[in-house]
């Protein structure tokens, strides 16, 4: 299968290394795990890679991975995602090719984030 990683472990390792770089707030290293033409879709719709990386830097996310599933070049994570003051359950589906993340789809309930922002705005 041309353009694909060779094993579940290869794709899984790319994704886990990427998440670890995000947790360490090493965003330059984080970008190295993504292909230049990444397809990204989250709860707020599809966005370009630049928007995704700006969000990662701004939000200072911390992941507590609960479960990892790997199937060929697909890796799925279930995790508690902590944004300062908020922890939510999330799921991410990564597709890896040639050692780089080519596609990322995120699923989580964004309401706690909006509620926290609303509280902050009311108290300001």
N, C-alpha and C. Protein backbone atom coordinates (compact mmCIF):
# COMPACT_ATOMS: atom_id res chain seq x y z
N UNK A 1 0.85 -1.18 0.00
CA UNK A 1 0.00 0.00 0.00
C UNK A 1 0.89 1.24 0.00
N UNK A 2 1.11 1.79 -1.17
CA UNK A 2 1.97 2.94 -1.34
C UNK A 2 1.41 4.15 -0.60
N UNK A 3 2.31 4.95 0.03
CA UNK A 3 1.87 6.14 0.72
C UNK A 3 1.27 5.87 2.09
N UNK A 4 1.42 4.70 2.60
CA UNK A 4 0.83 4.34 3.88
C UNK A 4 1.93 3.91 4.83
N UNK A 5 1.66 4.06 6.15
CA UNK A 5 2.62 3.52 7.10
C UNK A 5 2.52 2.00 7.06
N UNK A 6 3.53 1.33 7.58
CA UNK A 6 3.60 -0.12 7.45
C UNK A 6 2.88 -0.90 8.52
N UNK A 7 2.59 -0.28 9.65
CA UNK A 7 1.94 -1.05 10.72
C UNK A 7 1.11 -0.15 11.60
N UNK A 8 0.26 -0.81 12.39
CA UNK A 8 -0.55 -0.08 13.36
C UNK A 8 0.35 0.72 14.29
N UNK A 9 1.43 0.10 14.72
CA UNK A 9 2.32 0.74 15.68
C UNK A 9 2.95 2.00 15.12
N UNK A 10 3.29 2.03 13.84
CA UNK A 10 3.88 3.23 13.24
C UNK A 10 2.90 4.40 13.32
N UNK A 11 1.68 4.21 12.86
CA UNK A 11 0.68 5.27 12.89
C UNK A 11 0.37 5.67 14.33
N UNK A 12 0.23 4.71 15.19
CA UNK A 12 -0.06 4.98 16.60
C UNK A 12 1.06 5.80 17.22
N UNK A 13 2.30 5.47 16.92
CA UNK A 13 3.43 6.19 17.50
C UNK A 13 3.47 7.63 17.01
N UNK A 14 3.17 7.87 15.74
CA UNK A 14 3.13 9.23 15.21
C UNK A 14 2.10 10.06 15.98
N UNK A 15 0.92 9.51 16.16
CA UNK A 15 -0.16 10.23 16.84
C UNK A 15 0.20 10.48 18.30
N UNK A 16 0.68 9.47 19.00
CA UNK A 16 1.01 9.65 20.41
C UNK A 16 2.17 10.63 20.60
N UNK A 17 3.11 10.62 19.69
CA UNK A 17 4.22 11.58 19.75
C UNK A 17 3.70 13.00 19.52
N UNK A 18 2.77 13.15 18.60
CA UNK A 18 2.17 14.45 18.34
C UNK A 18 1.43 14.97 19.58
N UNK A 19 0.61 14.13 20.17
CA UNK A 19 -0.15 14.52 21.37
C UNK A 19 0.81 14.89 22.50
N UNK A 20 1.88 14.14 22.64
CA UNK A 20 2.86 14.45 23.67
C UNK A 20 3.50 15.81 23.43
N UNK A 21 3.79 16.14 22.18
CA UNK A 21 4.36 17.46 21.87
C UNK A 21 3.37 18.57 22.20
N UNK A 22 2.07 18.34 21.95
CA UNK A 22 1.04 19.33 22.32
C UNK A 22 1.02 19.50 23.83
N UNK A 23 1.04 18.40 24.56
CA UNK A 23 1.02 18.47 26.03
C UNK A 23 2.22 19.24 26.56
N UNK A 24 3.36 19.12 25.89
CA UNK A 24 4.58 19.81 26.32
C UNK A 24 4.64 21.24 25.77
N UNK A 25 3.60 21.63 25.04
CA UNK A 25 3.51 22.95 24.42
C UNK A 25 4.69 23.23 23.49
N UNK A 26 5.13 22.18 22.82
CA UNK A 26 6.19 22.30 21.81
C UNK A 26 5.51 22.31 20.45
N UNK A 27 5.02 23.47 20.06
CA UNK A 27 4.19 23.56 18.87
C UNK A 27 4.99 23.47 17.58
N UNK A 28 6.25 23.84 17.63
CA UNK A 28 7.10 23.65 16.45
C UNK A 28 7.25 22.15 16.17
N UNK A 29 7.48 21.37 17.21
CA UNK A 29 7.59 19.91 17.06
C UNK A 29 6.24 19.32 16.64
N UNK A 30 5.16 19.84 17.22
CA UNK A 30 3.82 19.36 16.87
C UNK A 30 3.58 19.44 15.37
N UNK A 31 3.91 20.55 14.77
CA UNK A 31 3.69 20.74 13.33
C UNK A 31 4.44 19.71 12.50
N UNK A 32 5.57 19.22 13.01
CA UNK A 32 6.37 18.25 12.25
C UNK A 32 5.64 16.92 12.06
N UNK A 33 4.64 16.64 12.88
CA UNK A 33 3.91 15.38 12.78
C UNK A 33 2.77 15.45 11.75
N UNK A 34 2.50 16.63 11.21
CA UNK A 34 1.40 16.82 10.28
C UNK A 34 1.92 17.03 8.86
N UNK A 35 1.18 16.50 7.89
CA UNK A 35 1.52 16.76 6.49
C UNK A 35 1.13 18.20 6.16
N UNK A 36 1.67 18.70 5.08
CA UNK A 36 1.37 20.07 4.68
C UNK A 36 -0.05 20.27 4.20
N UNK A 37 -0.73 19.21 3.81
CA UNK A 37 -2.08 19.32 3.28
C UNK A 37 -3.10 18.65 4.18
N UNK A 38 -2.95 18.86 5.49
CA UNK A 38 -3.84 18.22 6.46
C UNK A 38 -5.29 18.64 6.24
N UNK A 39 -6.16 17.67 6.42
CA UNK A 39 -7.60 17.89 6.42
C UNK A 39 -8.04 17.86 7.88
N UNK A 40 -8.64 18.95 8.35
CA UNK A 40 -9.04 19.06 9.76
C UNK A 40 -10.51 19.41 9.87
N UNK A 41 -11.23 18.65 10.69
CA UNK A 41 -12.63 18.95 10.97
C UNK A 41 -12.87 18.77 12.47
N UNK A 42 -13.48 19.77 13.07
CA UNK A 42 -13.78 19.72 14.50
C UNK A 42 -15.23 20.02 14.76
N UNK A 43 -15.56 20.23 16.01
CA UNK A 43 -16.95 20.48 16.38
C UNK A 43 -17.46 21.80 15.83
N UNK A 44 -16.55 22.69 15.48
CA UNK A 44 -16.94 23.99 14.95
C UNK A 44 -16.87 24.03 13.43
N UNK A 45 -16.68 22.86 12.79
CA UNK A 45 -16.62 22.79 11.34
C UNK A 45 -15.22 22.50 10.85
N UNK A 46 -15.05 22.56 9.56
CA UNK A 46 -13.75 22.30 8.95
C UNK A 46 -12.95 23.59 8.89
N UNK A 47 -11.69 23.47 9.21
CA UNK A 47 -10.80 24.63 9.22
C UNK A 47 -9.47 24.21 8.64
N UNK A 48 -8.69 25.17 8.28
CA UNK A 48 -7.36 24.88 7.77
C UNK A 48 -6.39 24.57 8.89
N UNK A 49 -5.24 24.06 8.50
CA UNK A 49 -4.21 23.68 9.46
C UNK A 49 -3.76 24.87 10.29
N UNK A 50 -3.64 26.04 9.68
CA UNK A 50 -3.17 27.21 10.43
C UNK A 50 -4.11 27.54 11.58
N UNK A 51 -5.41 27.46 11.35
CA UNK A 51 -6.39 27.72 12.41
C UNK A 51 -6.23 26.68 13.52
N UNK A 52 -6.07 25.42 13.15
CA UNK A 52 -5.90 24.35 14.13
C UNK A 52 -4.68 24.64 15.02
N UNK A 53 -3.56 24.97 14.41
CA UNK A 53 -2.34 25.19 15.19
C UNK A 53 -2.44 26.43 16.07
N UNK A 54 -3.07 27.48 15.58
CA UNK A 54 -3.28 28.68 16.41
C UNK A 54 -4.14 28.34 17.62
N UNK A 55 -5.18 27.53 17.41
CA UNK A 55 -6.04 27.10 18.52
C UNK A 55 -5.25 26.29 19.55
N UNK A 56 -4.40 25.40 19.08
CA UNK A 56 -3.60 24.58 19.99
C UNK A 56 -2.70 25.46 20.86
N UNK A 57 -2.07 26.44 20.25
CA UNK A 57 -1.18 27.34 20.99
C UNK A 57 -1.96 28.20 21.97
N UNK A 58 -3.11 28.67 21.58
CA UNK A 58 -3.92 29.55 22.41
C UNK A 58 -4.54 28.81 23.59
N UNK A 59 -5.03 27.60 23.36
CA UNK A 59 -5.80 26.90 24.39
C UNK A 59 -4.94 26.15 25.40
N UNK A 60 -3.70 25.84 25.06
CA UNK A 60 -2.80 25.14 26.00
C UNK A 60 -3.45 23.86 26.51
N UNK A 61 -3.85 23.01 25.59
CA UNK A 61 -4.56 21.78 25.91
C UNK A 61 -3.68 20.77 26.62
N UNK A 62 -4.30 20.01 27.47
CA UNK A 62 -3.64 18.87 28.11
C UNK A 62 -4.52 17.65 27.89
N UNK A 63 -3.91 16.57 27.46
CA UNK A 63 -4.63 15.33 27.17
C UNK A 63 -4.35 14.29 28.25
N UNK A 64 -5.40 13.61 28.66
CA UNK A 64 -5.25 12.43 29.51
C UNK A 64 -5.90 11.30 28.70
N UNK A 65 -5.07 10.58 27.98
CA UNK A 65 -5.57 9.56 27.07
C UNK A 65 -6.15 8.39 27.85
N UNK A 66 -7.37 8.01 27.49
CA UNK A 66 -8.08 6.91 28.14
C UNK A 66 -7.98 5.63 27.34
N UNK A 67 -8.00 5.75 25.99
CA UNK A 67 -7.98 4.56 25.14
C UNK A 67 -7.44 4.94 23.77
N UNK A 68 -6.65 4.03 23.20
CA UNK A 68 -6.11 4.21 21.85
C UNK A 68 -6.50 2.99 21.02
N UNK A 69 -7.07 3.25 19.85
CA UNK A 69 -7.39 2.19 18.91
C UNK A 69 -6.61 2.46 17.63
N UNK A 70 -5.99 1.44 17.07
CA UNK A 70 -5.27 1.59 15.81
C UNK A 70 -5.74 0.50 14.84
N UNK A 71 -6.00 0.92 13.61
CA UNK A 71 -6.41 0.00 12.55
C UNK A 71 -5.73 0.48 11.28
N UNK A 72 -4.68 -0.19 10.90
CA UNK A 72 -3.87 0.21 9.74
C UNK A 72 -3.38 1.64 9.96
N UNK A 73 -3.79 2.57 9.11
CA UNK A 73 -3.33 3.95 9.20
C UNK A 73 -4.27 4.86 9.98
N UNK A 74 -5.31 4.27 10.55
CA UNK A 74 -6.27 5.03 11.34
C UNK A 74 -5.97 4.84 12.82
N UNK A 75 -5.98 5.95 13.55
CA UNK A 75 -5.77 5.91 14.99
C UNK A 75 -6.88 6.72 15.63
N UNK A 76 -7.50 6.15 16.64
CA UNK A 76 -8.58 6.82 17.36
C UNK A 76 -8.19 6.94 18.83
N UNK A 77 -8.34 8.14 19.38
CA UNK A 77 -8.07 8.37 20.79
C UNK A 77 -9.34 8.80 21.49
N UNK A 78 -9.56 8.25 22.68
CA UNK A 78 -10.54 8.79 23.61
C UNK A 78 -9.73 9.39 24.74
N UNK A 79 -10.08 10.61 25.15
CA UNK A 79 -9.26 11.29 26.14
C UNK A 79 -10.09 12.30 26.92
N UNK A 80 -9.59 12.63 28.11
CA UNK A 80 -10.08 13.80 28.82
C UNK A 80 -9.20 14.94 28.34
N UNK A 81 -9.83 15.98 27.90
CA UNK A 81 -9.15 17.15 27.36
C UNK A 81 -9.31 18.27 28.38
N UNK A 82 -8.19 18.77 28.86
CA UNK A 82 -8.25 19.84 29.84
C UNK A 82 -7.77 21.14 29.21
N UNK A 83 -8.66 22.10 29.29
CA UNK A 83 -8.37 23.48 28.93
C UNK A 83 -8.43 24.18 30.28
N UNK A 84 -7.52 25.07 30.60
CA UNK A 84 -7.51 25.62 31.96
C UNK A 84 -8.90 25.83 32.56
N UNK A 85 -9.18 25.08 33.62
CA UNK A 85 -10.44 25.19 34.33
C UNK A 85 -11.55 24.29 33.85
N UNK A 86 -11.36 23.58 32.75
CA UNK A 86 -12.42 22.74 32.16
C UNK A 86 -11.81 21.41 31.72
N UNK A 87 -12.51 20.32 32.02
CA UNK A 87 -12.11 19.01 31.49
C UNK A 87 -13.32 18.40 30.80
N UNK A 88 -13.13 17.98 29.55
CA UNK A 88 -14.21 17.38 28.78
C UNK A 88 -13.72 16.10 28.12
N UNK A 89 -14.64 15.20 27.84
CA UNK A 89 -14.33 13.97 27.13
C UNK A 89 -14.30 14.28 25.64
N UNK A 90 -13.26 13.79 24.97
CA UNK A 90 -13.14 14.02 23.54
C UNK A 90 -12.73 12.76 22.81
N UNK A 91 -12.89 12.79 21.52
CA UNK A 91 -12.49 11.69 20.65
C UNK A 91 -11.86 12.30 19.40
N UNK A 92 -10.75 11.72 18.96
CA UNK A 92 -10.08 12.20 17.76
C UNK A 92 -9.75 11.03 16.86
N UNK A 93 -10.01 11.21 15.56
CA UNK A 93 -9.70 10.20 14.55
C UNK A 93 -8.60 10.78 13.67
N UNK A 94 -7.46 10.16 13.71
CA UNK A 94 -6.30 10.56 12.93
C UNK A 94 -6.09 9.56 11.80
N UNK A 95 -5.72 10.06 10.63
CA UNK A 95 -5.30 9.20 9.53
C UNK A 95 -3.87 9.58 9.18
N UNK A 96 -3.01 8.58 9.15
CA UNK A 96 -1.58 8.78 8.98
C UNK A 96 -1.13 8.16 7.66
N UNK A 97 -0.29 8.88 6.94
CA UNK A 97 0.32 8.35 5.71
C UNK A 97 1.74 8.90 5.62
N UNK A 98 2.65 8.06 5.21
CA UNK A 98 4.05 8.45 5.06
C UNK A 98 4.61 9.07 6.34
N UNK A 99 4.16 8.56 7.49
CA UNK A 99 4.68 9.03 8.76
C UNK A 99 4.17 10.37 9.22
N UNK A 100 3.14 10.90 8.55
CA UNK A 100 2.57 12.21 8.88
C UNK A 100 1.06 12.10 9.03
N UNK A 101 0.50 12.91 9.90
CA UNK A 101 -0.95 12.96 10.06
C UNK A 101 -1.51 13.74 8.88
N UNK A 102 -2.40 13.08 8.13
CA UNK A 102 -2.99 13.70 6.92
C UNK A 102 -4.41 14.18 7.17
N UNK A 103 -5.07 13.58 8.16
CA UNK A 103 -6.46 13.94 8.44
C UNK A 103 -6.70 13.84 9.94
N UNK A 104 -7.47 14.79 10.45
CA UNK A 104 -7.83 14.81 11.87
C UNK A 104 -9.28 15.25 11.99
N UNK A 105 -10.06 14.44 12.69
CA UNK A 105 -11.45 14.77 12.96
C UNK A 105 -11.65 14.67 14.47
N UNK A 106 -12.14 15.76 15.06
CA UNK A 106 -12.35 15.83 16.51
C UNK A 106 -13.83 15.84 16.84
N UNK A 107 -14.18 15.17 17.93
CA UNK A 107 -15.56 15.18 18.41
C UNK A 107 -15.53 15.40 19.92
N UNK A 108 -16.22 16.45 20.36
CA UNK A 108 -16.41 16.69 21.79
C UNK A 108 -17.56 17.68 21.93
N UNK A 109 -18.09 17.76 23.13
CA UNK A 109 -19.18 18.68 23.43
C UNK A 109 -18.57 20.03 23.81
N UNK A 110 -18.70 21.06 22.98
CA UNK A 110 -18.05 22.34 23.27
C UNK A 110 -18.80 23.22 24.28
N UNK A 111 -19.98 22.79 24.73
CA UNK A 111 -20.78 23.65 25.61
C UNK A 111 -20.05 24.06 26.89
N UNK A 112 -19.29 23.17 27.55
CA UNK A 112 -18.58 23.64 28.75
C UNK A 112 -17.58 24.77 28.46
N UNK A 113 -16.99 24.78 27.30
CA UNK A 113 -16.06 25.85 26.92
C UNK A 113 -16.84 27.15 26.76
N UNK A 114 -17.96 27.11 26.05
CA UNK A 114 -18.77 28.31 25.85
C UNK A 114 -19.31 28.84 27.18
N UNK A 115 -19.73 27.92 28.06
CA UNK A 115 -20.25 28.32 29.36
C UNK A 115 -19.17 29.00 30.20
N UNK A 116 -17.97 28.47 30.18
CA UNK A 116 -16.86 29.07 30.94
C UNK A 116 -16.53 30.45 30.38
N UNK A 117 -16.51 30.59 29.07
CA UNK A 117 -16.23 31.90 28.46
C UNK A 117 -17.31 32.90 28.84
N UNK A 118 -18.56 32.45 28.84
CA UNK A 118 -19.65 33.33 29.20
C UNK A 118 -19.53 33.80 30.65
N UNK A 119 -19.17 32.89 31.55
CA UNK A 119 -18.96 33.25 32.97
C UNK A 119 -17.83 34.27 33.10
N UNK A 120 -16.74 34.04 32.35
CA UNK A 120 -15.61 34.98 32.41
C UNK A 120 -16.00 36.36 31.92
N UNK A 121 -16.78 36.41 30.85
CA UNK A 121 -17.22 37.69 30.31
C UNK A 121 -18.14 38.43 31.28
N UNK A 122 -19.02 37.69 31.97
CA UNK A 122 -19.94 38.32 32.93
C UNK A 122 -19.20 38.85 34.14
N UNK A 123 -18.10 38.18 34.53
CA UNK A 123 -17.37 38.61 35.72
C UNK A 123 -16.34 39.70 35.41
N UNK A 124 -16.11 39.94 34.13
CA UNK A 124 -15.11 40.97 33.75
C UNK A 124 -15.65 42.36 33.82
